[in-house]
Amino acid sequence: MLNMKYLFVFVIFICTCSHTHGQNHLENTLVKLKDKEQLSIVYHTIGCFHNVTFKLVVTRTDKNWEAGIYESQNDLLGYGGHFYYMFDDGYLLLKRKVLTAGDLQAFSQFETALRKIDQSFSFCTTNDDYAVKSNYYNAQVRDGNCNWNGFRTLMNSWFVDLQRAPNFAECLF
């Protein structure tokens, strides 16, 4: 009976330690990137009054990380647009920047939260889809909880004055 008590205490201790470690550990795929490697996130959000797709691409160049934020060509044209842009992959570059240490930390927090999203059924009218691709982390994540707006938060911290590109097709008339 005494041995069972010690075994129980040991199991509780192990579970507590592993749970605590998981809470304090931040993921950081960006620091794993080697020179010329990329991480991309295609973010699609749809709700009652919006349907937008962005693509974030982070490239390691030497000892720096450069980020570019792109918006989908379809968002710029609208659903009935008759003008076609010649973007290689269907996205228009909105802005670029070299990431700071603070930006890398913000991404670590974003990535850690993204990996922990509960993808079970939810009743939110907004669904955010994330397609993450790199040599070190690949995932398809759907967030339908309305509790976290991680991509927008990350973009607002990285690209403070980010403006949506004009709809060039509408500007022609």
C-alpha atoms as a PDB file:
ATOM      1  CA  MET A   1       0.000   0.000   0.000  1.00  0.00           C
ATOM      2  CA  LEU A   2       2.843   2.352   0.804  1.00  0.00           C
ATOM      3  CA  ASN A   3       4.461   1.766  -2.600  1.00  0.00           C
ATOM      4  CA  MET A   4       1.221   2.670  -4.396  1.00  0.00           C
ATOM      5  CA  LYS A   5       1.130   5.975  -2.529  1.00  0.00           C
ATOM      6  CA  TYR A   6       4.661   6.842  -3.703  1.00  0.00           C
ATOM      7  CA  LEU A   7       3.846   5.738  -7.243  1.00  0.00           C
ATOM      8  CA  PHE A   8       0.773   7.980  -7.251  1.00  0.00           C
ATOM      9  CA  VAL A   9       2.784  10.988  -6.006  1.00  0.00           C
ATOM     10  CA  PHE A  10       5.486  10.304  -8.625  1.00  0.00           C
ATOM     11  CA  VAL A  11       2.921  10.162 -11.462  1.00  0.00           C
ATOM     12  CA  ILE A  12       1.316  13.419 -10.307  1.00  0.00           C
ATOM     13  CA  PHE A  13       4.760  15.053 -10.148  1.00  0.00           C
ATOM     14  CA  ILE A  14       5.643  13.952 -13.702  1.00  0.00           C
ATOM     15  CA  CYS A  15       2.302  15.146 -15.099  1.00  0.00           C
ATOM     16  CA  THR A  16       2.635  18.491 -13.353  1.00  0.00           C
ATOM     17  CA  CYS A  17       6.189  19.028 -14.615  1.00  0.00           C
ATOM     18  CA  SER A  18       5.371  18.175 -18.233  1.00  0.00           C
ATOM     19  CA  HIS A  19       2.265  20.382 -18.156  1.00  0.00           C
ATOM     20  CA  THR A  20       4.215  23.321 -16.741  1.00  0.00           C
ATOM     21  CA  HIS A  21       6.970  22.888 -19.323  1.00  0.00           C
ATOM     22  CA  GLY A  22       4.390  23.009 -22.148  1.00  0.00           C
ATOM     23  CA  GLN A  23       2.987  26.301 -20.906  1.00  0.00           C
ATOM     24  CA  ASN A  24       6.364  28.044 -20.704  1.00  0.00           C
ATOM     25  CA  HIS A  25       7.836  26.693 -23.921  1.00  0.00           C
ATOM     26  CA  LEU A  26       7.424  28.917 -26.982  1.00  0.00           C
ATOM     27  CA  GLU A  27       7.681  27.403 -30.446  1.00  0.00           C
ATOM     28  CA  ASN A  28      10.030  29.193 -32.837  1.00  0.00           C
ATOM     29  CA  THR A  29      10.162  27.817 -36.369  1.00  0.00           C
ATOM     30  CA  LEU A  30      11.687  31.025 -37.743  1.00  0.00           C
ATOM     31  CA  VAL A  31      14.989  30.513 -35.922  1.00  0.00           C
ATOM     32  CA  LYS A  32      15.257  27.042 -37.474  1.00  0.00           C
ATOM     33  CA  LEU A  33      15.230  28.490 -40.993  1.00  0.00           C
ATOM     34  CA  LYS A  34      18.538  28.351 -42.811  1.00  0.00           C
ATOM     35  CA  ASP A  35      19.751  30.880 -45.369  1.00  0.00           C
ATOM     36  CA  LYS A  36      17.272  31.258 -48.277  1.00  0.00           C
ATOM     37  CA  GLU A  37      14.628  29.075 -46.598  1.00  0.00           C
ATOM     38  CA  GLN A  38      11.066  30.322 -46.177  1.00  0.00           C
ATOM     39  CA  LEU A  39       8.034  29.920 -43.998  1.00  0.00           C
ATOM     40  CA  SER A  40       4.680  30.871 -45.491  1.00  0.00           C
ATOM     41  CA  ILE A  41       1.252  31.215 -43.970  1.00  0.00           C
ATOM     42  CA  VAL A  42      -1.847  31.520 -46.098  1.00  0.00           C
ATOM     43  CA  TYR A  43      -4.545  33.003 -43.899  1.00  0.00           C
ATOM     44  CA  HIS A  44      -8.160  32.948 -45.046  1.00  0.00           C
ATOM     45  CA  THR A  45     -10.869  34.474 -42.910  1.00  0.00           C
ATOM     46  CA  ILE A  46     -14.551  34.346 -43.704  1.00  0.00           C
ATOM     47  CA  GLY A  47     -17.500  35.643 -41.742  1.00  0.00           C
ATOM     48  CA  CYS A  48     -20.833  37.378 -42.135  1.00  0.00           C
ATOM     49  CA  PHE A  49     -19.331  40.524 -43.631  1.00  0.00           C
ATOM     50  CA  HIS A  50     -15.876  39.561 -44.857  1.00  0.00           C
ATOM     51  CA  ASN A  51     -13.996  37.049 -46.972  1.00  0.00           C
ATOM     52  CA  VAL A  52     -10.278  37.854 -47.238  1.00  0.00           C
ATOM     53  CA  THR A  53      -7.087  35.916 -47.924  1.00  0.00           C
ATOM     54  CA  PHE A  54      -3.581  37.044 -47.002  1.00  0.00           C
ATOM     55  CA  LYS A  55      -0.235  35.369 -47.404  1.00  0.00           C
ATOM     56  CA  LEU A  56       2.710  35.991 -45.107  1.00  0.00           C
ATOM     57  CA  VAL A  57       6.147  34.912 -46.323  1.00  0.00           C
ATOM     58  CA  VAL A  58       9.222  35.045 -44.086  1.00  0.00           C
ATOM     59  CA  THR A  59      12.598  34.415 -45.725  1.00  0.00           C
ATOM     60  CA  ARG A  60      15.875  33.912 -43.905  1.00  0.00           C
ATOM     61  CA  THR A  61      18.658  35.894 -45.561  1.00  0.00           C
ATOM     62  CA  ASP A  62      22.017  35.518 -43.912  1.00  0.00           C
ATOM     63  CA  LYS A  63      21.404  36.505 -40.274  1.00  0.00           C
ATOM     64  CA  ASN A  64      18.167  38.402 -40.940  1.00  0.00           C
ATOM     65  CA  TRP A  65      14.555  37.501 -41.556  1.00  0.00           C
ATOM     66  CA  GLU A  66      12.553  39.439 -44.149  1.00  0.00           C
ATOM     67  CA  ALA A  67       8.755  39.331 -44.071  1.00  0.00           C
ATOM     68  CA  GLY A  68       6.359  40.188 -46.851  1.00  0.00           C
ATOM     69  CA  ILE A  69       2.593  40.461 -46.541  1.00  0.00           C
ATOM     70  CA  TYR A  70       0.464  39.834 -49.612  1.00  0.00           C
ATOM     71  CA  GLU A  71      -3.247  40.071 -50.350  1.00  0.00           C
ATOM     72  CA  SER A  72      -5.107  37.720 -52.662  1.00  0.00           C
ATOM     73  CA  GLN A  73      -5.730  38.924 -56.189  1.00  0.00           C
ATOM     74  CA  ASN A  74      -9.336  37.760 -55.821  1.00  0.00           C
ATOM     75  CA  ASP A  75      -9.875  40.138 -52.889  1.00  0.00           C
ATOM     76  CA  LEU A  76      -8.670  43.051 -54.996  1.00  0.00           C
ATOM     77  CA  LEU A  77     -10.815  42.190 -57.997  1.00  0.00           C
ATOM     78  CA  GLY A  78     -13.980  41.467 -56.104  1.00  0.00           C
ATOM     79  CA  TYR A  79     -16.242  38.605 -57.000  1.00  0.00           C
ATOM     80  CA  GLY A  80     -17.450  40.028 -60.325  1.00  0.00           C
ATOM     81  CA  GLY A  81     -14.205  41.617 -61.528  1.00  0.00           C
ATOM     82  CA  HIS A  82     -13.337  41.335 -65.196  1.00  0.00           C
ATOM     83  CA  PHE A  83      -9.779  42.624 -64.974  1.00  0.00           C
ATOM     84  CA  TYR A  84      -6.960  40.221 -64.294  1.00  0.00           C
ATOM     85  CA  TYR A  85      -3.649  41.046 -62.706  1.00  0.00           C
ATOM     86  CA  MET A  86      -0.535  39.178 -63.681  1.00  0.00           C
ATOM     87  CA  PHE A  87       0.656  38.056 -60.254  1.00  0.00           C
ATOM     88  CA  ASP A  88       2.711  34.877 -60.356  1.00  0.00           C
ATOM     89  CA  ASP A  89       0.928  33.195 -57.498  1.00  0.00           C
ATOM     90  CA  GLY A  90      -2.276  35.249 -57.290  1.00  0.00           C
ATOM     91  CA  TYR A  91      -1.105  37.647 -54.551  1.00  0.00           C
ATOM     92  CA  LEU A  92      -0.146  41.328 -54.539  1.00  0.00           C
ATOM     93  CA  LEU A  93       2.673  42.473 -52.240  1.00  0.00           C
ATOM     94  CA  LEU A  94       1.411  45.026 -49.721  1.00  0.00           C
ATOM     95  CA  LYS A  95       4.538  45.592 -47.633  1.00  0.00           C
ATOM     96  CA  ARG A  96       7.969  44.179 -46.681  1.00  0.00           C
ATOM     97  CA  LYS A  97      10.179  44.571 -43.655  1.00  0.00           C
ATOM     98  CA  VAL A  98      13.240  43.146 -41.916  1.00  0.00           C
ATOM     99  CA  LEU A  99      12.153  41.563 -38.647  1.00  0.00           C
ATOM    100  CA  THR A 100      13.446  42.735 -35.289  1.00  0.00           C
ATOM    101  CA  ALA A 101      14.081  40.620 -32.191  1.00  0.00           C
ATOM    102  CA  GLY A 102      10.683  41.770 -30.902  1.00  0.00           C
ATOM    103  CA  ASP A 103       9.055  40.629 -34.153  1.00  0.00           C
ATOM    104  CA  LEU A 104      10.627  37.179 -33.751  1.00  0.00           C
ATOM    105  CA  GLN A 105       9.273  37.003 -30.195  1.00  0.00           C
ATOM    106  CA  ALA A 106       5.799  38.022 -31.408  1.00  0.00           C
ATOM    107  CA  PHE A 107       5.940  35.242 -34.005  1.00  0.00           C
ATOM    108  CA  SER A 108       6.961  32.708 -31.350  1.00  0.00           C
ATOM    109  CA  GLN A 109       3.913  33.644 -29.296  1.00  0.00           C
ATOM    110  CA  PHE A 110       1.698  33.457 -32.408  1.00  0.00           C
ATOM    111  CA  GLU A 111       3.066  30.038 -33.390  1.00  0.00           C
ATOM    112  CA  THR A 112       2.699  28.617 -29.895  1.00  0.00           C
ATOM    113  CA  ALA A 113      -0.928  29.771 -29.716  1.00  0.00           C
ATOM    114  CA  LEU A 114      -1.634  28.479 -33.240  1.00  0.00           C
ATOM    115  CA  ARG A 115      -0.397  25.012 -32.314  1.00  0.00           C
ATOM    116  CA  LYS A 116      -2.764  24.957 -29.309  1.00  0.00           C
ATOM    117  CA  ILE A 117      -5.974  25.957 -31.107  1.00  0.00           C
ATOM    118  CA  ASP A 118      -8.891  23.709 -30.265  1.00  0.00           C
ATOM    119  CA  GLN A 119     -10.296  22.750 -33.659  1.00  0.00           C
ATOM    120  CA  SER A 120     -13.436  21.176 -32.309  1.00  0.00           C
ATOM    121  CA  PHE A 121     -16.859  22.381 -33.408  1.00  0.00           C
ATOM    122  CA  SER A 122     -17.708  25.983 -32.548  1.00  0.00           C
ATOM    123  CA  PHE A 123     -20.620  28.353 -32.956  1.00  0.00           C
ATOM    124  CA  CYS A 124     -18.687  31.410 -34.169  1.00  0.00           C
ATOM    125  CA  THR A 125     -19.800  32.878 -37.496  1.00  0.00           C
ATOM    126  CA  THR A 126     -16.171  33.634 -38.407  1.00  0.00           C
ATOM    127  CA  ASN A 127     -13.732  30.919 -39.446  1.00  0.00           C
ATOM    128  CA  ASP A 128     -10.010  31.548 -39.799  1.00  0.00           C
ATOM    129  CA  ASP A 129      -7.988  29.010 -41.776  1.00  0.00           C
ATOM    130  CA  TYR A 130      -4.202  28.832 -41.566  1.00  0.00           C
ATOM    131  CA  ALA A 131      -2.022  26.884 -44.006  1.00  0.00           C
ATOM    132  CA  VAL A 132       1.547  26.909 -42.677  1.00  0.00           C
ATOM    133  CA  LYS A 133       4.400  25.607 -44.830  1.00  0.00           C
ATOM    134  CA  SER A 134       8.106  25.363 -44.117  1.00  0.00           C
ATOM    135  CA  ASN A 135      10.813  22.737 -43.893  1.00  0.00           C
ATOM    136  CA  TYR A 136      10.210  22.521 -40.131  1.00  0.00           C
ATOM    137  CA  TYR A 137       6.498  23.053 -39.506  1.00  0.00           C
ATOM    138  CA  ASN A 138       3.549  22.312 -41.777  1.00  0.00           C
ATOM    139  CA  ALA A 139      -0.044  22.537 -40.629  1.00  0.00           C
ATOM    140  CA  GLN A 140      -3.633  23.153 -41.642  1.00  0.00           C
ATOM    141  CA  VAL A 141      -5.465  24.822 -38.764  1.00  0.00           C
ATOM    142  CA  ARG A 142      -9.053  26.052 -38.549  1.00  0.00           C
ATOM    143  CA  ASP A 143      -9.967  28.479 -35.789  1.00  0.00           C
ATOM    144  CA  GLY A 144     -13.680  28.990 -35.375  1.00  0.00           C
ATOM    145  CA  ASN A 145     -13.799  30.040 -31.752  1.00  0.00           C
ATOM    146  CA  CYS A 146     -13.842  33.855 -32.037  1.00  0.00           C
ATOM    147  CA  ASN A 147     -11.488  33.899 -29.025  1.00  0.00           C
ATOM    148  CA  TRP A 148      -8.230  34.568 -30.838  1.00  0.00           C
ATOM    149  CA  ASN A 149      -7.360  36.868 -33.694  1.00  0.00           C
ATOM    150  CA  GLY A 150      -3.730  35.825 -33.948  1.00  0.00           C
ATOM    151  CA  PHE A 151      -2.967  36.671 -37.565  1.00  0.00           C
ATOM    152  CA  ARG A 152      -4.404  40.184 -37.336  1.00  0.00           C
ATOM    153  CA  THR A 153      -2.581  40.770 -34.058  1.00  0.00           C
ATOM    154  CA  LEU A 154       0.710  39.619 -35.579  1.00  0.00           C
ATOM    155  CA  MET A 155       0.222  41.729 -38.713  1.00  0.00           C
ATOM    156  CA  ASN A 156      -0.691  44.812 -36.688  1.00  0.00           C
ATOM    157  CA  SER A 157       2.486  44.441 -34.630  1.00  0.00           C
ATOM    158  CA  TRP A 158       4.734  43.782 -37.655  1.00  0.00           C
ATOM    159  CA  PHE A 159       3.153  46.155 -40.172  1.00  0.00           C
ATOM    160  CA  VAL A 160       1.826  48.988 -38.032  1.00  0.00           C
ATOM    161  CA  ASP A 161       0.460  51.168 -40.827  1.00  0.00           C
ATOM    162  CA  LEU A 162      -0.620  48.398 -43.204  1.00  0.00           C
ATOM    163  CA  GLN A 163      -3.284  49.642 -45.583  1.00  0.00           C
ATOM    164  CA  ARG A 164      -5.363  47.466 -47.818  1.00  0.00           C
ATOM    165  CA  ALA A 165      -4.341  47.779 -51.451  1.00  0.00           C
ATOM    166  CA  PRO A 166      -6.754  49.744 -53.634  1.00  0.00           C
ATOM    167  CA  ASN A 167      -9.016  47.816 -55.957  1.00  0.00           C
ATOM    168  CA  PHE A 168      -7.371  48.903 -59.177  1.00  0.00           C
ATOM    169  CA  ALA A 169     -10.273  47.639 -61.291  1.00  0.00           C
ATOM    170  CA  GLU A 170     -12.650  50.034 -59.483  1.00  0.00           C
ATOM    171  CA  CYS A 171     -10.198  52.919 -59.910  1.00  0.00           C
ATOM    172  CA  LEU A 172     -10.348  52.577 -63.696  1.00  0.00           C
ATOM    173  CA  PHE A 173     -13.956  53.832 -63.855  1.00  0.00           C
END
